[in-house]
């Protein structure tokens, strides 16, 4: 059975790279991000490389959205093996 990972910030460059890399390695990847369109693109790329996953619009600052992600993932998978906590806003100064 595939291991299961959640990647927050999955719509961004680094999050997408994590998600696709995990998919190539055989993981089921739950893509979570506030940017719904780009998050769906990440899931499309996960599937394109032979992976499986799901896509959840999720603002990690909102407990109710974490619960929604948890509930969807729990319905689809028996457990969670890895959390890539990549969400956030980077700034350079």
PDB file of N, CA and C in Angstrom:
ATOM      1  N   UNK A   1       0.836  -1.185   0.000  1.00  0.00           N
ATOM      2  CA  UNK A   1       0.000   0.000   0.000  1.00  0.00           C
ATOM      3  C   UNK A   1       0.876   1.242   0.000  1.00  0.00           C
ATOM      4  N   UNK A   2       0.429   2.242  -0.732  1.00  0.00           N
ATOM      5  CA  UNK A   2       1.162   3.505  -0.790  1.00  0.00           C
ATOM      6  C   UNK A   2       1.179   4.194   0.569  1.00  0.00           C
ATOM      7  N   UNK A   3       2.297   4.814   0.886  1.00  0.00           N
ATOM      8  CA  UNK A   3       2.349   5.671   2.064  1.00  0.00           C
ATOM      9  C   UNK A   3       1.605   6.963   1.736  1.00  0.00           C
ATOM     10  N   UNK A   4       1.184   7.669   2.777  1.00  0.00           N
ATOM     11  CA  UNK A   4       0.376   8.869   2.607  1.00  0.00           C
ATOM     12  C   UNK A   4       1.090  10.090   3.152  1.00  0.00           C
ATOM     13  N   UNK A   5       1.100  11.167   2.350  1.00  0.00           N
ATOM     14  CA  UNK A   5       1.698  12.436   2.756  1.00  0.00           C
ATOM     15  C   UNK A   5       0.711  13.573   2.538  1.00  0.00           C
ATOM     16  N   UNK A   6       0.775  14.564   3.400  1.00  0.00           N
ATOM     17  CA  UNK A   6       0.088  15.836   3.193  1.00  0.00           C
ATOM     18  C   UNK A   6       1.168  16.868   2.925  1.00  0.00           C
ATOM     19  N   UNK A   7       0.983  17.646   1.857  1.00  0.00           N
ATOM     20  CA  UNK A   7       1.904  18.729   1.543  1.00  0.00           C
ATOM     21  C   UNK A   7       1.113  20.033   1.623  1.00  0.00           C
ATOM     22  N   UNK A   8       1.416  20.866   2.626  1.00  0.00           N
ATOM     23  CA  UNK A   8       0.795  22.181   2.690  1.00  0.00           C
ATOM     24  C   UNK A   8       1.604  23.132   1.821  1.00  0.00           C
ATOM     25  N   UNK A   9       0.953  24.153   1.319  1.00  0.00           N
ATOM     26  CA  UNK A   9       1.631  25.048   0.390  1.00  0.00           C
ATOM     27  C   UNK A   9       1.926  24.357  -0.923  1.00  0.00           C
ATOM     28  N   UNK A  10       1.084  23.399  -1.282  1.00  0.00           N
ATOM     29  CA  UNK A  10       1.337  22.558  -2.461  1.00  0.00           C
ATOM     30  C   UNK A  10       1.218  23.307  -3.782  1.00  0.00           C
ATOM     31  N   UNK A  11       0.600  24.482  -3.793  1.00  0.00           N
ATOM     32  CA  UNK A  11       0.439  25.234  -5.036  1.00  0.00           C
ATOM     33  C   UNK A  11       1.693  26.019  -5.408  1.00  0.00           C
ATOM     34  N   UNK A  12       2.585  26.201  -4.466  1.00  0.00           N
ATOM     35  CA  UNK A  12       3.798  26.966  -4.745  1.00  0.00           C
ATOM     36  C   UNK A  12       4.881  26.105  -5.369  1.00  0.00           C
ATOM     37  N   UNK A  13       5.941  26.735  -5.753  1.00  0.00           N
ATOM     38  CA  UNK A  13       7.040  26.053  -6.438  1.00  0.00           C
ATOM     39  C   UNK A  13       7.633  24.920  -5.607  1.00  0.00           C
ATOM     40  N   UNK A  14       7.992  25.211  -4.370  1.00  0.00           N
ATOM     41  CA  UNK A  14       8.603  24.195  -3.525  1.00  0.00           C
ATOM     42  C   UNK A  14       7.602  23.120  -3.130  1.00  0.00           C
ATOM     43  N   UNK A  15       6.393  23.523  -2.756  1.00  0.00           N
ATOM     44  CA  UNK A  15       5.359  22.555  -2.396  1.00  0.00           C
ATOM     45  C   UNK A  15       5.037  21.614  -3.545  1.00  0.00           C
ATOM     46  N   UNK A  16       4.943  22.169  -4.748  1.00  0.00           N
ATOM     47  CA  UNK A  16       4.672  21.346  -5.926  1.00  0.00           C
ATOM     48  C   UNK A  16       5.811  20.354  -6.144  1.00  0.00           C
ATOM     49  N   UNK A  17       7.044  20.805  -5.976  1.00  0.00           N
ATOM     50  CA  UNK A  17       8.191  19.912  -6.148  1.00  0.00           C
ATOM     51  C   UNK A  17       8.151  18.767  -5.133  1.00  0.00           C
ATOM     52  N   UNK A  18       7.813  19.077  -3.871  1.00  0.00           N
ATOM     53  CA  UNK A  18       7.669  18.022  -2.860  1.00  0.00           C
ATOM     54  C   UNK A  18       6.590  17.026  -3.283  1.00  0.00           C
ATOM     55  N   UNK A  19       5.430  17.544  -3.685  1.00  0.00           N
ATOM     56  CA  UNK A  19       4.297  16.687  -4.028  1.00  0.00           C
ATOM     57  C   UNK A  19       4.623  15.766  -5.206  1.00  0.00           C
ATOM     58  N   UNK A  20       5.208  16.317  -6.236  1.00  0.00           N
ATOM     59  CA  UNK A  20       5.533  15.522  -7.425  1.00  0.00           C
ATOM     60  C   UNK A  20       6.620  14.498  -7.103  1.00  0.00           C
ATOM     61  N   UNK A  21       7.604  14.886  -6.331  1.00  0.00           N
ATOM     62  CA  UNK A  21       8.679  13.956  -5.957  1.00  0.00           C
ATOM     63  C   UNK A  21       8.128  12.789  -5.142  1.00  0.00           C
ATOM     64  N   UNK A  22       7.257  13.083  -4.192  1.00  0.00           N
ATOM     65  CA  UNK A  22       6.647  12.016  -3.398  1.00  0.00           C
ATOM     66  C   UNK A  22       5.794  11.104  -4.281  1.00  0.00           C
ATOM     67  N   UNK A  23       5.056  11.686  -5.206  1.00  0.00           N
ATOM     68  CA  UNK A  23       4.235  10.878  -6.114  1.00  0.00           C
ATOM     69  C   UNK A  23       5.098   9.948  -6.958  1.00  0.00           C
ATOM     70  N   UNK A  24       6.207  10.464  -7.452  1.00  0.00           N
ATOM     71  CA  UNK A  24       7.126   9.622  -8.243  1.00  0.00           C
ATOM     72  C   UNK A  24       7.665   8.459  -7.417  1.00  0.00           C
ATOM     73  N   UNK A  25       7.787   8.668  -6.120  1.00  0.00           N
ATOM     74  CA  UNK A  25       8.296   7.625  -5.225  1.00  0.00           C
ATOM     75  C   UNK A  25       7.188   6.685  -4.749  1.00  0.00           C
ATOM     76  N   UNK A  26       5.968   6.892  -5.251  1.00  0.00           N
ATOM     77  CA  UNK A  26       4.890   5.970  -4.941  1.00  0.00           C
ATOM     78  C   UNK A  26       3.964   6.375  -3.815  1.00  0.00           C
ATOM     79  N   UNK A  27       4.072   7.590  -3.331  1.00  0.00           N
ATOM     80  CA  UNK A  27       3.237   8.057  -2.224  1.00  0.00           C
ATOM     81  C   UNK A  27       1.879   8.540  -2.727  1.00  0.00           C
ATOM     82  N   UNK A  28       0.862   8.417  -1.874  1.00  0.00           N
ATOM     83  CA  UNK A  28      -0.421   9.088  -2.061  1.00  0.00           C
ATOM     84  C   UNK A  28      -0.229  10.479  -1.477  1.00  0.00           C
ATOM     85  N   UNK A  29      -0.555  11.524  -2.247  1.00  0.00           N
ATOM     86  CA  UNK A  29      -0.255  12.892  -1.829  1.00  0.00           C
ATOM     87  C   UNK A  29      -1.529  13.718  -1.712  1.00  0.00           C
ATOM     88  N   UNK A  30      -1.766  14.240  -0.524  1.00  0.00           N
ATOM     89  CA  UNK A  30      -2.854  15.195  -0.309  1.00  0.00           C
ATOM     90  C   UNK A  30      -2.263  16.593  -0.453  1.00  0.00           C
ATOM     91  N   UNK A  31      -2.713  17.302  -1.477  1.00  0.00           N
ATOM     92  CA  UNK A  31      -2.222  18.644  -1.763  1.00  0.00           C
ATOM     93  C   UNK A  31      -3.126  19.661  -1.075  1.00  0.00           C
ATOM     94  N   UNK A  32      -2.559  20.512  -0.243  1.00  0.00           N
ATOM     95  CA  UNK A  32      -3.335  21.500   0.502  1.00  0.00           C
ATOM     96  C   UNK A  32      -2.761  22.890   0.264  1.00  0.00           C
ATOM     97  N   UNK A  33      -3.636  23.819  -0.124  1.00  0.00           N
ATOM     98  CA  UNK A  33      -3.199  25.194  -0.357  1.00  0.00           C
ATOM     99  C   UNK A  33      -4.428  26.096  -0.430  1.00  0.00           C
ATOM    100  N   UNK A  34      -4.229  27.392  -0.227  1.00  0.00           N
ATOM    101  CA  UNK A  34      -5.319  28.357  -0.357  1.00  0.00           C
ATOM    102  C   UNK A  34      -5.602  28.699  -1.813  1.00  0.00           C
ATOM    103  N   UNK A  35      -4.638  28.486  -2.690  1.00  0.00           N
ATOM    104  CA  UNK A  35      -4.791  28.788  -4.114  1.00  0.00           C
ATOM    105  C   UNK A  35      -5.376  27.567  -4.819  1.00  0.00           C
ATOM    106  N   UNK A  36      -6.692  27.560  -4.976  1.00  0.00           N
ATOM    107  CA  UNK A  36      -7.377  26.383  -5.495  1.00  0.00           C
ATOM    108  C   UNK A  36      -6.923  25.993  -6.904  1.00  0.00           C
ATOM    109  N   UNK A  37      -6.796  26.958  -7.799  1.00  0.00           N
ATOM    110  CA  UNK A  37      -6.432  26.646  -9.189  1.00  0.00           C
ATOM    111  C   UNK A  37      -5.032  26.036  -9.276  1.00  0.00           C
ATOM    112  N   UNK A  38      -4.069  26.641  -8.608  1.00  0.00           N
ATOM    113  CA  UNK A  38      -2.701  26.118  -8.660  1.00  0.00           C
ATOM    114  C   UNK A  38      -2.571  24.813  -7.886  1.00  0.00           C
ATOM    115  N   UNK A  39      -3.370  24.647  -6.849  1.00  0.00           N
ATOM    116  CA  UNK A  39      -3.368  23.399  -6.095  1.00  0.00           C
ATOM    117  C   UNK A  39      -3.868  22.257  -6.981  1.00  0.00           C
ATOM    118  N   UNK A  40      -4.903  22.534  -7.764  1.00  0.00           N
ATOM    119  CA  UNK A  40      -5.411  21.517  -8.707  1.00  0.00           C
ATOM    120  C   UNK A  40      -4.359  21.190  -9.771  1.00  0.00           C
ATOM    121  N   UNK A  41      -3.594  22.192 -10.174  1.00  0.00           N
ATOM    122  CA  UNK A  41      -2.511  21.950 -11.132  1.00  0.00           C
ATOM    123  C   UNK A  41      -1.452  21.029 -10.516  1.00  0.00           C
ATOM    124  N   UNK A  42      -1.153  21.229  -9.246  1.00  0.00           N
ATOM    125  CA  UNK A  42      -0.211  20.339  -8.575  1.00  0.00           C
ATOM    126  C   UNK A  42      -0.746  18.915  -8.572  1.00  0.00           C
ATOM    127  N   UNK A  43      -2.011  18.741  -8.232  1.00  0.00           N
ATOM    128  CA  UNK A  43      -2.595  17.400  -8.245  1.00  0.00           C
ATOM    129  C   UNK A  43      -2.555  16.805  -9.646  1.00  0.00           C
ATOM    130  N   UNK A  44      -2.801  17.624 -10.670  1.00  0.00           N
ATOM    131  CA  UNK A  44      -2.715  17.132 -12.052  1.00  0.00           C
ATOM    132  C   UNK A  44      -1.314  16.594 -12.341  1.00  0.00           C
ATOM    133  N   UNK A  45      -0.287  17.309 -11.866  1.00  0.00           N
ATOM    134  CA  UNK A  45       1.082  16.866 -12.083  1.00  0.00           C
ATOM    135  C   UNK A  45       1.397  15.606 -11.282  1.00  0.00           C
ATOM    136  N   UNK A  46       0.831  15.493 -10.088  1.00  0.00           N
ATOM    137  CA  UNK A  46       0.988  14.278  -9.281  1.00  0.00           C
ATOM    138  C   UNK A  46       0.450  13.075 -10.049  1.00  0.00           C
ATOM    139  N   UNK A  47      -0.727  13.219 -10.615  1.00  0.00           N
ATOM    140  CA  UNK A  47      -1.355  12.127 -11.370  1.00  0.00           C
ATOM    141  C   UNK A  47      -0.565  11.852 -12.649  1.00  0.00           C
ATOM    142  N   UNK A  48      -0.065  12.912 -13.288  1.00  0.00           N
ATOM    143  CA  UNK A  48       0.695  12.768 -14.533  1.00  0.00           C
ATOM    144  C   UNK A  48       1.931  11.881 -14.358  1.00  0.00           C
ATOM    145  N   UNK A  49       2.551  11.920 -13.186  1.00  0.00           N
ATOM    146  CA  UNK A  49       3.745  11.095 -12.951  1.00  0.00           C
ATOM    147  C   UNK A  49       3.389   9.726 -12.368  1.00  0.00           C
ATOM    148  N   UNK A  50       2.097   9.396 -12.363  1.00  0.00           N
ATOM    149  CA  UNK A  50       1.672   8.073 -11.904  1.00  0.00           C
ATOM    150  C   UNK A  50       1.226   8.022 -10.465  1.00  0.00           C
ATOM    151  N   UNK A  51       1.116   9.176  -9.829  1.00  0.00           N
ATOM    152  CA  UNK A  51       0.711   9.214  -8.427  1.00  0.00           C
ATOM    153  C   UNK A  51      -0.788   9.263  -8.242  1.00  0.00           C
ATOM    154  N   UNK A  52      -1.169   9.180  -6.993  1.00  0.00           N
ATOM    155  CA  UNK A  52      -2.560   9.324  -6.588  1.00  0.00           C
ATOM    156  C   UNK A  52      -2.604  10.389  -5.506  1.00  0.00           C
ATOM    157  N   UNK A  53      -3.754  11.023  -5.376  1.00  0.00           N
ATOM    158  CA  UNK A  53      -3.869  12.008  -4.322  1.00  0.00           C
ATOM    159  C   UNK A  53      -5.220  12.663  -4.290  1.00  0.00           C
ATOM    160  N   UNK A  54      -5.275  13.709  -3.501  1.00  0.00           N
ATOM    161  CA  UNK A  54      -6.473  14.530  -3.431  1.00  0.00           C
ATOM    162  C   UNK A  54      -6.040  15.965  -3.250  1.00  0.00           C
ATOM    163  N   UNK A  55      -6.977  16.859  -3.492  1.00  0.00           N
ATOM    164  CA  UNK A  55      -6.706  18.283  -3.465  1.00  0.00           C
ATOM    165  C   UNK A  55      -7.685  18.927  -2.495  1.00  0.00           C
ATOM    166  N   UNK A  56      -7.188  19.716  -1.568  1.00  0.00           N
ATOM    167  CA  UNK A  56      -8.047  20.376  -0.581  1.00  0.00           C
ATOM    168  C   UNK A  56      -7.635  21.839  -0.463  1.00  0.00           C
ATOM    169  N   UNK A  57      -8.604  22.730  -0.647  1.00  0.00           N
ATOM    170  CA  UNK A  57      -8.341  24.140  -0.394  1.00  0.00           C
ATOM    171  C   UNK A  57      -8.266  24.301   1.119  1.00  0.00           C
ATOM    172  N   UNK A  58      -7.120  24.748   1.607  1.00  0.00           N
ATOM    173  CA  UNK A  58      -6.897  24.760   3.050  1.00  0.00           C
ATOM    174  C   UNK A  58      -5.976  25.914   3.438  1.00  0.00           C
ATOM    175  N   UNK A  59      -6.494  26.775   4.305  1.00  0.00           N
ATOM    176  CA  UNK A  59      -5.686  27.808   4.933  1.00  0.00           C
ATOM    177  C   UNK A  59      -5.234  27.219   6.272  1.00  0.00           C
ATOM    178  N   UNK A  60      -3.962  26.969   6.413  1.00  0.00           N
ATOM    179  CA  UNK A  60      -3.463  26.275   7.608  1.00  0.00           C
ATOM    180  C   UNK A  60      -3.674  27.068   8.896  1.00  0.00           C
ATOM    181  N   UNK A  61      -4.054  28.332   8.787  1.00  0.00           N
ATOM    182  CA  UNK A  61      -4.345  29.143   9.975  1.00  0.00           C
ATOM    183  C   UNK A  61      -5.756  28.900  10.501  1.00  0.00           C
ATOM    184  N   UNK A  62      -6.563  28.138   9.751  1.00  0.00           N
ATOM    185  CA  UNK A  62      -7.969  27.924  10.097  1.00  0.00           C
ATOM    186  C   UNK A  62      -8.214  26.490  10.562  1.00  0.00           C
ATOM    187  N   UNK A  63      -8.461  26.293  11.855  1.00  0.00           N
ATOM    188  CA  UNK A  63      -8.681  24.939  12.376  1.00  0.00           C
ATOM    189  C   UNK A  63      -9.798  24.171  11.657  1.00  0.00           C
ATOM    190  N   UNK A  64     -10.864  24.844  11.265  1.00  0.00           N
ATOM    191  CA  UNK A  64     -11.965  24.154  10.584  1.00  0.00           C
ATOM    192  C   UNK A  64     -11.510  23.588   9.238  1.00  0.00           C
ATOM    193  N   UNK A  65     -10.609  24.276   8.569  1.00  0.00           N
ATOM    194  CA  UNK A  65     -10.113  23.779   7.285  1.00  0.00           C
ATOM    195  C   UNK A  65      -9.172  22.594   7.484  1.00  0.00           C
ATOM    196  N   UNK A  66      -8.400  22.588   8.573  1.00  0.00           N
ATOM    197  CA  UNK A  66      -7.581  21.417   8.909  1.00  0.00           C
ATOM    198  C   UNK A  66      -8.486  20.212   9.167  1.00  0.00           C
ATOM    199  N   UNK A  67      -9.588  20.451   9.895  1.00  0.00           N
ATOM    200  CA  UNK A  67     -10.522  19.355  10.180  1.00  0.00           C
ATOM    201  C   UNK A  67     -11.119  18.796   8.898  1.00  0.00           C
ATOM    202  N   UNK A  68     -11.457  19.684   7.966  1.00  0.00           N
ATOM    203  CA  UNK A  68     -12.010  19.238   6.688  1.00  0.00           C
ATOM    204  C   UNK A  68     -10.995  18.371   5.938  1.00  0.00           C
ATOM    205  N   UNK A  69      -9.747  18.823   5.894  1.00  0.00           N
ATOM    206  CA  UNK A  69      -8.686  18.035   5.255  1.00  0.00           C
ATOM    207  C   UNK A  69      -8.527  16.697   5.963  1.00  0.00           C
ATOM    208  N   UNK A  70      -8.492  16.729   7.276  1.00  0.00           N
ATOM    209  CA  UNK A  70      -8.363  15.499   8.063  1.00  0.00           C
ATOM    210  C   UNK A  70      -9.493  14.520   7.741  1.00  0.00           C
ATOM    211  N   UNK A  71     -10.717  15.016   7.713  1.00  0.00           N
ATOM    212  CA  UNK A  71     -11.867  14.149   7.461  1.00  0.00           C
ATOM    213  C   UNK A  71     -11.822  13.540   6.064  1.00  0.00           C
ATOM    214  N   UNK A  72     -11.489  14.342   5.055  1.00  0.00           N
ATOM    215  CA  UNK A  72     -11.389  13.808   3.685  1.00  0.00           C
ATOM    216  C   UNK A  72     -10.281  12.774   3.572  1.00  0.00           C
ATOM    217  N   UNK A  73      -9.149  13.078   4.175  1.00  0.00           N
ATOM    218  CA  UNK A  73      -8.019  12.161   4.094  1.00  0.00           C
ATOM    219  C   UNK A  73      -8.320  10.866   4.830  1.00  0.00           C
ATOM    220  N   UNK A  74      -8.926  10.979   5.982  1.00  0.00           N
ATOM    221  CA  UNK A  74      -9.246   9.783   6.759  1.00  0.00           C
ATOM    222  C   UNK A  74     -10.232   8.884   6.025  1.00  0.00           C
ATOM    223  N   UNK A  75     -11.158   9.482   5.271  1.00  0.00           N
ATOM    224  CA  UNK A  75     -12.116   8.705   4.482  1.00  0.00           C
ATOM    225  C   UNK A  75     -11.426   7.992   3.322  1.00  0.00           C
ATOM    226  N   UNK A  76     -10.339   8.560   2.835  1.00  0.00           N
ATOM    227  CA  UNK A  76      -9.653   8.002   1.664  1.00  0.00           C
ATOM    228  C   UNK A  76      -8.504   7.067   2.008  1.00  0.00           C
ATOM    229  N   UNK A  77      -7.875   7.257   3.164  1.00  0.00           N
ATOM    230  CA  UNK A  77      -6.635   6.552   3.498  1.00  0.00           C
ATOM    231  C   UNK A  77      -6.672   6.059   4.942  1.00  0.00           C
ATOM    232  N   UNK A  78      -5.925   4.998   5.256  1.00  0.00           N
ATOM    233  CA  UNK A  78      -5.930   4.458   6.615  1.00  0.00           C
ATOM    234  C   UNK A  78      -5.079   5.240   7.613  1.00  0.00           C
ATOM    235  N   UNK A  79      -4.186   6.085   7.162  1.00  0.00           N
ATOM    236  CA  UNK A  79      -3.322   6.800   8.099  1.00  0.00           C
ATOM    237  C   UNK A  79      -2.482   7.835   7.395  1.00  0.00           C
ATOM    238  N   UNK A  80      -1.698   8.551   8.155  1.00  0.00           N
ATOM    239  CA  UNK A  80      -0.808   9.577   7.620  1.00  0.00           C
ATOM    240  C   UNK A  80       0.617   9.217   8.003  1.00  0.00           C
ATOM    241  N   UNK A  81       1.502   9.214   7.011  1.00  0.00           N
ATOM    242  CA  UNK A  81       2.904   8.871   7.250  1.00  0.00           C
ATOM    243  C   UNK A  81       3.822  10.083   7.297  1.00  0.00           C
ATOM    244  N   UNK A  82       3.435  11.160   6.611  1.00  0.00           N
ATOM    245  CA  UNK A  82       4.331  12.308   6.498  1.00  0.00           C
ATOM    246  C   UNK A  82       3.532  13.591   6.327  1.00  0.00           C
ATOM    247  N   UNK A  83       3.928  14.635   7.054  1.00  0.00           N
ATOM    248  CA  UNK A  83       3.396  15.984   6.859  1.00  0.00           C
ATOM    249  C   UNK A  83       4.541  16.873   6.413  1.00  0.00           C
ATOM    250  N   UNK A  84       4.417  17.442   5.212  1.00  0.00           N
ATOM    251  CA  UNK A  84       5.383  18.428   4.731  1.00  0.00           C
ATOM    252  C   UNK A  84       4.724  19.784   4.969  1.00  0.00           C
ATOM    253  N   UNK A  85       5.110  20.425   6.057  1.00  0.00           N
ATOM    254  CA  UNK A  85       4.489  21.673   6.477  1.00  0.00           C
ATOM    255  C   UNK A  85       5.195  22.840   5.792  1.00  0.00           C
ATOM    256  N   UNK A  86       4.804  23.066   4.549  1.00  0.00           N
ATOM    257  CA  UNK A  86       5.476  24.012   3.668  1.00  0.00           C
ATOM    258  C   UNK A  86       4.710  25.327   3.486  1.00  0.00           C
ATOM    259  N   UNK A  87       3.521  25.435   4.052  1.00  0.00           N
ATOM    260  CA  UNK A  87       2.704  26.645   3.842  1.00  0.00           C
ATOM    261  C   UNK A  87       3.337  27.841   4.518  1.00  0.00           C
ATOM    262  N   UNK A  88       3.149  28.985   3.889  1.00  0.00           N
ATOM    263  CA  UNK A  88       3.642  30.223   4.467  1.00  0.00           C
ATOM    264  C   UNK A  88       3.956  31.225   3.385  1.00  0.00           C
ATOM    265  N   UNK A  89       4.270  32.407   3.815  1.00  0.00           N
ATOM    266  CA  UNK A  89       4.605  33.474   2.894  1.00  0.00           C
ATOM    267  C   UNK A  89       6.060  33.830   3.129  1.00  0.00           C
ATOM    268  N   UNK A  90       6.833  33.702   2.080  1.00  0.00           N
ATOM    269  CA  UNK A  90       8.251  34.022   2.194  1.00  0.00           C
ATOM    270  C   UNK A  90       8.476  35.467   1.781  1.00  0.00           C
ATOM    271  N   UNK A  91       9.388  36.087   2.418  1.00  0.00           N
ATOM    272  CA  UNK A  91       9.740  37.456   2.056  1.00  0.00           C
ATOM    273  C   UNK A  91      11.241  37.622   2.095  1.00  0.00           C
ATOM    274  N   UNK A  92      11.717  38.457   1.219  1.00  0.00           N
ATOM    275  CA  UNK A  92      13.150  38.740   1.198  1.00  0.00           C
ATOM    276  C   UNK A  92      13.348  40.204   1.547  1.00  0.00           C
ATOM    277  N   UNK A  93      14.421  40.495   2.213  1.00  0.00           N
ATOM    278  CA  UNK A  93      14.614  41.883   2.631  1.00  0.00           C
ATOM    279  C   UNK A  93      15.915  42.378   2.371  1.00  0.00           C
TER     280      UNK A  93
END
